[in-house]
Amino acid sequence: MVETPRDPDHAYWMRPGRDSPTEMPQPPDGRTPTALAASQPTTSDDRRSFVRRHKALTISVSIVAALAAVASAVFAGVQVFQKTVTGTATPVMGEFSNSDCNANGNNINLNCSVEANVPATLSVKSLDVAFEKDISGEVMDDSYQPPVLTQTELKARPLVVGLSNDGDSTYVIDRVSVKIPLIAYLGDCTDSGGGPGLVTGRYTVLFDYPESKWFPPKAAPLPGDFDAKLNFAVAPRASDMMSVFIGPKVQRISNYQIMVFVAQVSLWSYGGESLPLQNAVMATTEGNVQAQIMKSQNKKCAQQNLLLLKQITDTAGSSAVSSPTINQLEDTYKRLG
């Protein structure tokens, strides 16, 4: 009988009825039987240490699996609430239904509060006609036929609205509407005169003012509503400033006459909700306002304009916001009158 040489690092066994050894398969981790045997505990102390290590490993694997399950539940849309157990400092995580929320008993208090999504809500934080800004426009000299158009810039004071969105989604303003309960065309108290001409400015909201109303100076209501499409968005939990320029489609610039009016402005959301603003007293030709403050000298003109301004301020009401230069203009007329 021929003895088959055996490798000490391989295990062999004898099948029944066979006289030659068969090689056993290798361990899956690649260790040889010799190395595998060397890793096994040999004494009782070693066996106890071996058991402890394997138990710790098993617990660690269980903890990782539990954390993975919680993460999977969260991403799958399952609500995971915090459970506080009386007498312990460490909260225990678990999955609970809404019916379990706020349950008390058996020393367990469930806190299942979930912050609700707040809809977009717009509020006005400030409103004024404080700063001056140039807008583009065109001058039309109607002494020529056809009229000659020239690019220009107009001084204007917009209605500036400070807005705040206290909701969790964007608030979109897609329209602004204006009512003008009273408009006055003030006379030129500088007695300076000027050449013929019409001007149109690129205001946010344009209104019609028929030329027949320009002379003589007077105050009258302007029928109808005037509006303009917008796309002004206020981000969630944020504040923003919005400027609204209001003026006529065309106005005379042949002298320093001034168009002053009461504006009742409303902002409209994409969903059709309206936000009315306080009344505002505004002028369309800011350059003319400043010119009359510096150059007015006609006493009779000043007295007439004061009466027109009083009608404007009475219509607007005491809570109305007003351009600071209109107040200065009124003081100028009072000094002359």
Protein backbone atom coordinates (compact mmCIF):
# COMPACT_ATOMS: atom_id res chain seq x y z
CA MET A 1 0.00 0.00 0.00
CA VAL A 2 1.38 3.39 -1.02
CA GLU A 3 1.25 6.04 1.65
CA THR A 4 -0.02 9.34 0.28
CA PRO A 5 2.03 12.24 1.57
CA ARG A 6 -0.05 14.61 3.63
CA ASP A 7 0.32 18.33 3.95
CA PRO A 8 0.14 19.31 7.62
CA ASP A 9 -1.80 22.47 6.65
CA HIS A 10 -4.61 20.47 5.03
CA ALA A 11 -7.20 18.30 6.72
CA TYR A 12 -7.91 14.77 5.41
CA TRP A 13 -10.60 12.25 6.18
CA MET A 14 -11.26 8.66 5.15
CA ARG A 15 -14.48 7.76 3.36
CA PRO A 16 -15.94 4.42 4.43
CA GLY A 17 -14.66 1.64 2.18
CA ARG A 18 -11.85 3.79 0.83
CA ASP A 19 -8.21 3.38 1.69
CA SER A 20 -7.05 6.76 0.43
CA PRO A 21 -7.59 10.05 2.22
CA THR A 22 -9.77 12.79 0.74
CA GLU A 23 -8.89 16.42 1.22
CA MET A 24 -11.33 18.47 3.28
CA PRO A 25 -12.37 21.88 1.94
CA GLN A 26 -10.50 24.93 3.21
CA PRO A 27 -12.09 27.30 5.74
CA PRO A 28 -13.84 30.25 4.03
CA ASP A 29 -11.52 32.85 5.58
CA GLY A 30 -8.50 31.25 3.99
CA ARG A 31 -6.92 30.09 7.25
CA THR A 32 -5.33 26.69 7.29
CA PRO A 33 -6.54 24.07 9.74
CA THR A 34 -3.35 24.56 11.71
CA ALA A 35 -3.97 28.29 12.04
CA LEU A 36 -7.63 27.71 12.74
CA ALA A 37 -6.84 25.30 15.54
CA ALA A 38 -4.35 27.75 17.02
CA SER A 39 -7.06 30.41 17.27
CA GLN A 40 -9.43 28.26 19.30
CA PRO A 41 -9.47 28.66 23.10
CA THR A 42 -7.54 25.97 24.91
CA THR A 43 -8.21 26.75 28.57
CA SER A 44 -11.36 27.61 30.48
CA ASP A 45 -10.24 31.25 30.87
CA ASP A 46 -9.60 31.46 27.18
CA ARG A 47 -13.01 30.00 26.42
CA ARG A 48 -14.75 32.55 28.68
CA SER A 49 -12.86 35.43 27.02
CA PHE A 50 -13.71 34.00 23.62
CA VAL A 51 -17.43 33.90 24.48
CA ARG A 52 -17.39 37.48 25.79
CA ARG A 53 -15.77 38.75 22.61
CA HIS A 54 -18.29 36.99 20.41
CA LYS A 55 -21.22 38.29 22.49
CA ALA A 56 -19.89 41.86 22.20
CA LEU A 57 -19.56 41.41 18.47
CA THR A 58 -23.13 40.10 18.24
CA ILE A 59 -24.49 43.07 20.24
CA SER A 60 -22.60 45.55 18.07
CA VAL A 61 -24.04 44.00 14.94
CA SER A 62 -27.54 44.20 16.46
CA ILE A 63 -27.13 47.90 17.31
CA VAL A 64 -25.98 48.72 13.77
CA ALA A 65 -28.93 46.79 12.36
CA ALA A 66 -31.35 48.67 14.65
CA LEU A 67 -29.94 52.07 13.64
CA ALA A 68 -30.21 51.09 10.00
CA ALA A 69 -33.84 50.12 10.51
CA VAL A 70 -34.65 53.50 12.11
CA ALA A 71 -32.90 55.36 9.28
CA SER A 72 -34.77 53.26 6.73
CA ALA A 73 -38.08 54.05 8.44
CA VAL A 74 -37.36 57.79 8.42
CA PHE A 75 -36.48 57.85 4.74
CA ALA A 76 -39.50 55.68 3.94
CA GLY A 77 -41.78 58.30 5.48
CA VAL A 78 -42.51 56.47 8.77
CA GLN A 79 -42.77 58.87 11.70
CA VAL A 80 -40.17 58.07 14.35
CA PHE A 81 -40.93 59.69 17.67
CA GLN A 82 -38.92 60.09 20.84
CA LYS A 83 -39.98 58.09 23.87
CA THR A 84 -38.84 59.34 27.26
CA VAL A 85 -38.82 56.76 30.04
CA THR A 86 -39.07 58.10 33.59
CA GLY A 87 -35.97 57.51 35.62
CA THR A 88 -33.61 57.25 32.67
CA ALA A 89 -31.48 59.98 31.19
CA THR A 90 -31.27 58.49 27.71
CA PRO A 91 -34.26 58.77 25.37
CA VAL A 92 -35.22 55.61 23.55
CA MET A 93 -36.18 55.79 19.88
CA GLY A 94 -39.11 53.85 18.58
CA GLU A 95 -41.87 53.84 15.99
CA PHE A 96 -45.32 54.87 17.23
CA SER A 97 -48.64 55.59 15.60
CA ASN A 98 -50.43 58.92 15.99
CA SER A 99 -52.88 57.29 18.41
CA ASP A 100 -49.97 56.60 20.77
CA CYS A 101 -48.91 60.25 20.85
CA ASN A 102 -49.18 62.08 24.16
CA ALA A 103 -49.99 58.80 25.92
CA ASN A 104 -49.03 58.64 29.59
CA GLY A 105 -48.81 55.59 31.73
CA ASN A 106 -46.44 52.94 33.00
CA ASN A 107 -43.81 55.65 33.55
CA ILE A 108 -43.73 56.39 29.80
CA ASN A 109 -44.36 59.80 28.27
CA LEU A 110 -44.59 60.01 24.48
CA ASN A 111 -43.71 63.35 22.91
CA CYS A 112 -44.96 63.17 19.33
CA SER A 113 -45.23 66.87 18.51
CA VAL A 114 -44.65 67.58 14.83
CA GLU A 115 -44.37 71.18 13.57
CA ALA A 116 -47.08 71.86 11.01
CA ASN A 117 -46.32 73.46 7.65
CA VAL A 118 -47.40 77.12 7.87
CA PRO A 119 -48.93 78.50 4.64
CA ALA A 120 -47.47 81.63 3.07
CA THR A 121 -48.80 84.71 4.89
CA LEU A 122 -47.91 88.23 3.74
CA SER A 123 -47.95 91.25 6.04
CA VAL A 124 -46.92 94.89 5.63
CA LYS A 125 -44.10 95.99 7.92
CA SER A 126 -43.50 99.48 6.50
CA LEU A 127 -44.93 101.90 3.94
CA ASP A 128 -43.56 105.23 2.74
CA VAL A 129 -42.89 107.52 -0.22
CA ALA A 130 -39.47 108.51 1.04
CA PHE A 131 -36.76 108.15 -1.59
CA GLU A 132 -36.31 109.63 -5.05
CA LYS A 133 -35.40 107.60 -8.12
CA ASP A 134 -35.03 108.32 -11.83
CA ILE A 135 -37.17 106.37 -14.29
CA SER A 136 -36.81 106.32 -18.06
CA GLY A 137 -39.32 107.98 -20.35
CA GLU A 138 -39.88 109.78 -23.63
CA VAL A 139 -40.48 113.45 -24.36
CA MET A 140 -42.82 114.24 -27.23
CA ASP A 141 -42.55 117.71 -28.73
CA ASP A 142 -45.99 118.22 -30.25
CA SER A 143 -45.03 121.53 -31.90
CA TYR A 144 -43.69 119.40 -34.73
CA GLN A 145 -45.67 117.18 -37.06
CA PRO A 146 -45.08 114.36 -36.64
CA PRO A 147 -44.07 114.88 -32.98
CA VAL A 148 -40.40 114.41 -32.15
CA LEU A 149 -39.60 111.79 -29.49
CA THR A 150 -36.56 112.13 -27.25
CA GLN A 151 -35.37 109.72 -24.56
CA THR A 152 -35.29 111.26 -21.10
CA GLU A 153 -35.33 110.50 -17.38
CA LEU A 154 -37.98 111.56 -14.89
CA LYS A 155 -37.59 112.08 -11.18
CA ALA A 156 -40.16 110.05 -9.25
CA ARG A 157 -40.91 108.89 -5.73
CA PRO A 158 -42.36 105.35 -5.62
CA LEU A 159 -44.54 103.85 -2.95
CA VAL A 160 -42.11 101.60 -1.04
CA VAL A 161 -43.68 98.62 0.73
CA GLY A 162 -41.84 96.55 3.32
CA LEU A 163 -43.23 93.01 3.21
CA SER A 164 -42.79 89.97 5.44
CA ASN A 165 -43.69 86.35 4.69
CA ASP A 166 -44.23 84.39 7.92
CA GLY A 167 -45.06 81.12 6.16
CA ASP A 168 -43.07 78.11 4.99
CA SER A 169 -43.68 78.61 1.26
CA THR A 170 -43.01 81.43 -1.20
CA TYR A 171 -45.62 84.19 -1.50
CA VAL A 172 -46.01 85.49 -5.06
CA ILE A 173 -47.58 88.88 -5.88
CA ASP A 174 -48.73 88.83 -9.49
CA ARG A 175 -50.78 92.03 -9.69
CA VAL A 176 -51.05 95.51 -8.19
CA SER A 177 -54.22 97.60 -8.48
CA VAL A 178 -54.72 101.33 -7.89
CA LYS A 179 -57.78 103.47 -7.28
CA ILE A 180 -57.45 107.26 -7.45
CA PRO A 181 -60.33 108.89 -5.54
CA LEU A 182 -58.93 112.38 -6.14
CA ILE A 183 -56.29 113.96 -8.37
CA ALA A 184 -55.24 117.63 -8.57
CA TYR A 185 -53.31 119.45 -11.25
CA LEU A 186 -51.54 122.32 -9.44
CA GLY A 187 -50.75 125.56 -11.21
CA ASP A 188 -47.17 126.75 -11.88
CA CYS A 189 -46.40 129.36 -9.24
CA THR A 190 -42.91 130.11 -10.64
CA ASP A 191 -44.31 132.13 -13.59
CA SER A 192 -41.45 130.74 -15.64
CA GLY A 193 -43.40 129.16 -18.48
CA GLY A 194 -41.71 126.87 -20.95
CA GLY A 195 -41.88 125.28 -24.34
CA PRO A 196 -44.51 122.81 -25.47
CA GLY A 197 -44.06 119.14 -24.76
CA LEU A 198 -45.52 115.96 -23.38
CA VAL A 199 -43.73 113.25 -21.45
CA THR A 200 -44.52 109.65 -20.63
CA GLY A 201 -42.70 107.71 -17.93
CA ARG A 202 -42.23 104.00 -17.41
CA TYR A 203 -44.27 103.77 -14.22
CA THR A 204 -45.32 100.45 -12.70
CA VAL A 205 -48.99 101.46 -12.94
CA LEU A 206 -50.18 103.90 -15.61
CA PHE A 207 -53.45 105.84 -15.49
CA ASP A 208 -55.29 108.01 -17.99
CA TYR A 209 -55.64 111.71 -17.34
CA PRO A 210 -57.48 113.53 -20.16
CA GLU A 211 -55.80 116.70 -21.41
CA SER A 212 -59.05 118.63 -20.96
CA LYS A 213 -58.54 118.45 -17.19
CA TRP A 214 -55.11 120.07 -17.21
CA PHE A 215 -56.41 123.65 -17.45
CA PRO A 216 -57.48 125.40 -15.33
CA PRO A 217 -55.91 123.80 -12.21
CA LYS A 218 -58.51 121.80 -10.30
CA ALA A 219 -59.09 118.60 -8.33
CA ALA A 220 -61.38 115.79 -9.46
CA PRO A 221 -61.86 112.07 -8.91
CA LEU A 222 -60.41 109.74 -11.52
CA PRO A 223 -62.90 106.97 -12.30
CA GLY A 224 -61.90 103.38 -12.82
CA ASP A 225 -59.27 100.98 -11.50
CA PHE A 226 -55.76 100.79 -12.88
CA ASP A 227 -53.57 97.75 -12.49
CA ALA A 228 -50.38 96.09 -13.69
CA LYS A 229 -49.13 92.52 -13.82
CA LEU A 230 -46.16 91.66 -11.62
CA ASN A 231 -44.09 88.69 -10.58
CA PHE A 232 -42.76 89.65 -7.17
CA ALA A 233 -41.88 86.77 -4.84
CA VAL A 234 -41.21 86.92 -1.08
CA ALA A 235 -39.22 83.90 0.13
CA PRO A 236 -40.38 81.75 3.09
CA ARG A 237 -39.66 83.25 6.52
CA ALA A 238 -38.13 86.33 4.85
CA SER A 239 -38.69 90.07 4.32
CA ASP A 240 -38.35 92.15 1.18
CA MET A 241 -38.96 95.66 -0.18
CA MET A 242 -41.21 96.40 -3.13
CA SER A 243 -41.39 99.69 -5.08
CA VAL A 244 -44.53 100.75 -6.96
CA PHE A 245 -44.25 103.71 -9.37
CA ILE A 246 -47.60 105.30 -10.25
CA GLY A 247 -48.08 107.91 -12.95
CA PRO A 248 -50.07 109.06 -15.99
CA LYS A 249 -49.64 107.65 -19.45
CA VAL A 250 -48.82 111.18 -20.61
CA GLN A 251 -48.36 114.55 -18.87
CA ARG A 252 -47.31 118.06 -19.83
CA ILE A 253 -43.82 119.33 -19.11
CA SER A 254 -44.21 122.71 -20.80
CA ASN A 255 -44.06 124.37 -17.36
CA TYR A 256 -43.76 123.44 -13.68
CA GLN A 257 -47.32 122.29 -13.14
CA ILE A 258 -47.64 119.42 -10.68
CA MET A 259 -49.94 116.39 -10.67
CA VAL A 260 -50.77 115.31 -7.08
CA PHE A 261 -53.14 112.44 -6.28
CA VAL A 262 -54.41 110.03 -3.62
CA ALA A 263 -53.56 106.41 -4.36
CA GLN A 264 -55.41 103.45 -2.87
CA VAL A 265 -53.15 100.49 -3.64
CA SER A 266 -53.82 96.77 -3.23
CA LEU A 267 -51.41 93.88 -3.78
CA TRP A 268 -52.83 90.66 -5.23
CA SER A 269 -51.42 87.19 -4.76
CA TYR A 270 -51.23 84.48 -7.39
CA GLY A 271 -54.17 82.78 -5.64
CA GLY A 272 -56.38 85.89 -5.82
CA GLU A 273 -55.93 87.18 -2.26
CA SER A 274 -55.74 90.97 -1.87
CA LEU A 275 -53.67 93.00 0.58
CA PRO A 276 -54.93 96.62 0.76
CA LEU A 277 -52.38 99.26 1.75
CA GLN A 278 -52.81 102.59 3.49
CA ASN A 279 -53.68 105.59 1.35
CA ALA A 280 -50.73 107.43 -0.14
CA VAL A 281 -50.34 111.02 -1.35
CA MET A 282 -48.02 111.09 -4.35
CA ALA A 283 -46.83 113.42 -7.14
CA THR A 284 -45.93 112.29 -10.65
CA THR A 285 -43.49 115.06 -11.60
CA GLU A 286 -40.99 115.18 -8.74
CA GLY A 287 -38.70 117.53 -10.64
CA ASN A 288 -41.53 120.07 -10.90
CA VAL A 289 -42.26 119.73 -7.18
CA GLN A 290 -38.67 120.61 -6.31
CA ALA A 291 -38.66 123.49 -8.81
CA GLN A 292 -41.77 125.04 -7.23
CA ILE A 293 -40.32 124.65 -3.72
CA MET A 294 -37.28 126.70 -4.78
CA LYS A 295 -38.81 129.18 -7.28
CA SER A 296 -42.49 129.80 -6.43
CA GLN A 297 -43.36 133.52 -6.21
CA ASN A 298 -46.98 133.95 -7.35
CA LYS A 299 -49.10 134.54 -4.24
CA LYS A 300 -52.50 133.97 -5.91
CA CYS A 301 -51.27 130.73 -7.47
CA ALA A 302 -50.00 129.57 -4.09
CA GLN A 303 -53.38 130.23 -2.44
CA GLN A 304 -55.20 128.24 -5.14
CA ASN A 305 -52.78 125.36 -4.86
CA LEU A 306 -53.15 125.28 -1.06
CA LEU A 307 -56.90 124.77 -1.44
CA LEU A 308 -56.30 121.90 -3.87
CA LEU A 309 -53.74 120.30 -1.55
CA LYS A 310 -56.21 120.51 1.34
CA GLN A 311 -58.76 118.57 -0.71
CA ILE A 312 -56.09 115.94 -1.39
CA THR A 313 -55.03 115.55 2.26
CA ASP A 314 -58.65 115.51 3.49
CA THR A 315 -59.49 112.74 1.03
CA ALA A 316 -56.39 110.74 1.92
CA GLY A 317 -57.04 110.84 5.67
CA SER A 318 -54.76 111.36 8.64
CA SER A 319 -53.21 107.87 8.41
CA ALA A 320 -52.03 108.33 4.82
CA VAL A 321 -48.34 108.30 3.94
CA SER A 322 -47.05 111.23 1.92
CA SER A 323 -43.99 112.30 -0.02
CA PRO A 324 -41.82 114.60 2.12
CA THR A 325 -41.47 117.10 -0.74
CA ILE A 326 -45.27 117.54 -0.94
CA ASN A 327 -45.18 118.63 2.70
CA GLN A 328 -42.35 121.04 1.84
CA LEU A 329 -44.35 122.36 -1.11
CA GLU A 330 -47.33 123.04 1.17
CA ASP A 331 -45.07 124.98 3.55
CA THR A 332 -43.77 127.01 0.60
CA TYR A 333 -47.30 127.98 -0.46
CA LYS A 334 -48.20 128.92 3.11
CA ARG A 335 -45.23 131.30 3.32
CA LEU A 336 -46.30 132.97 0.06
CA GLY A 337 -49.99 133.10 0.98
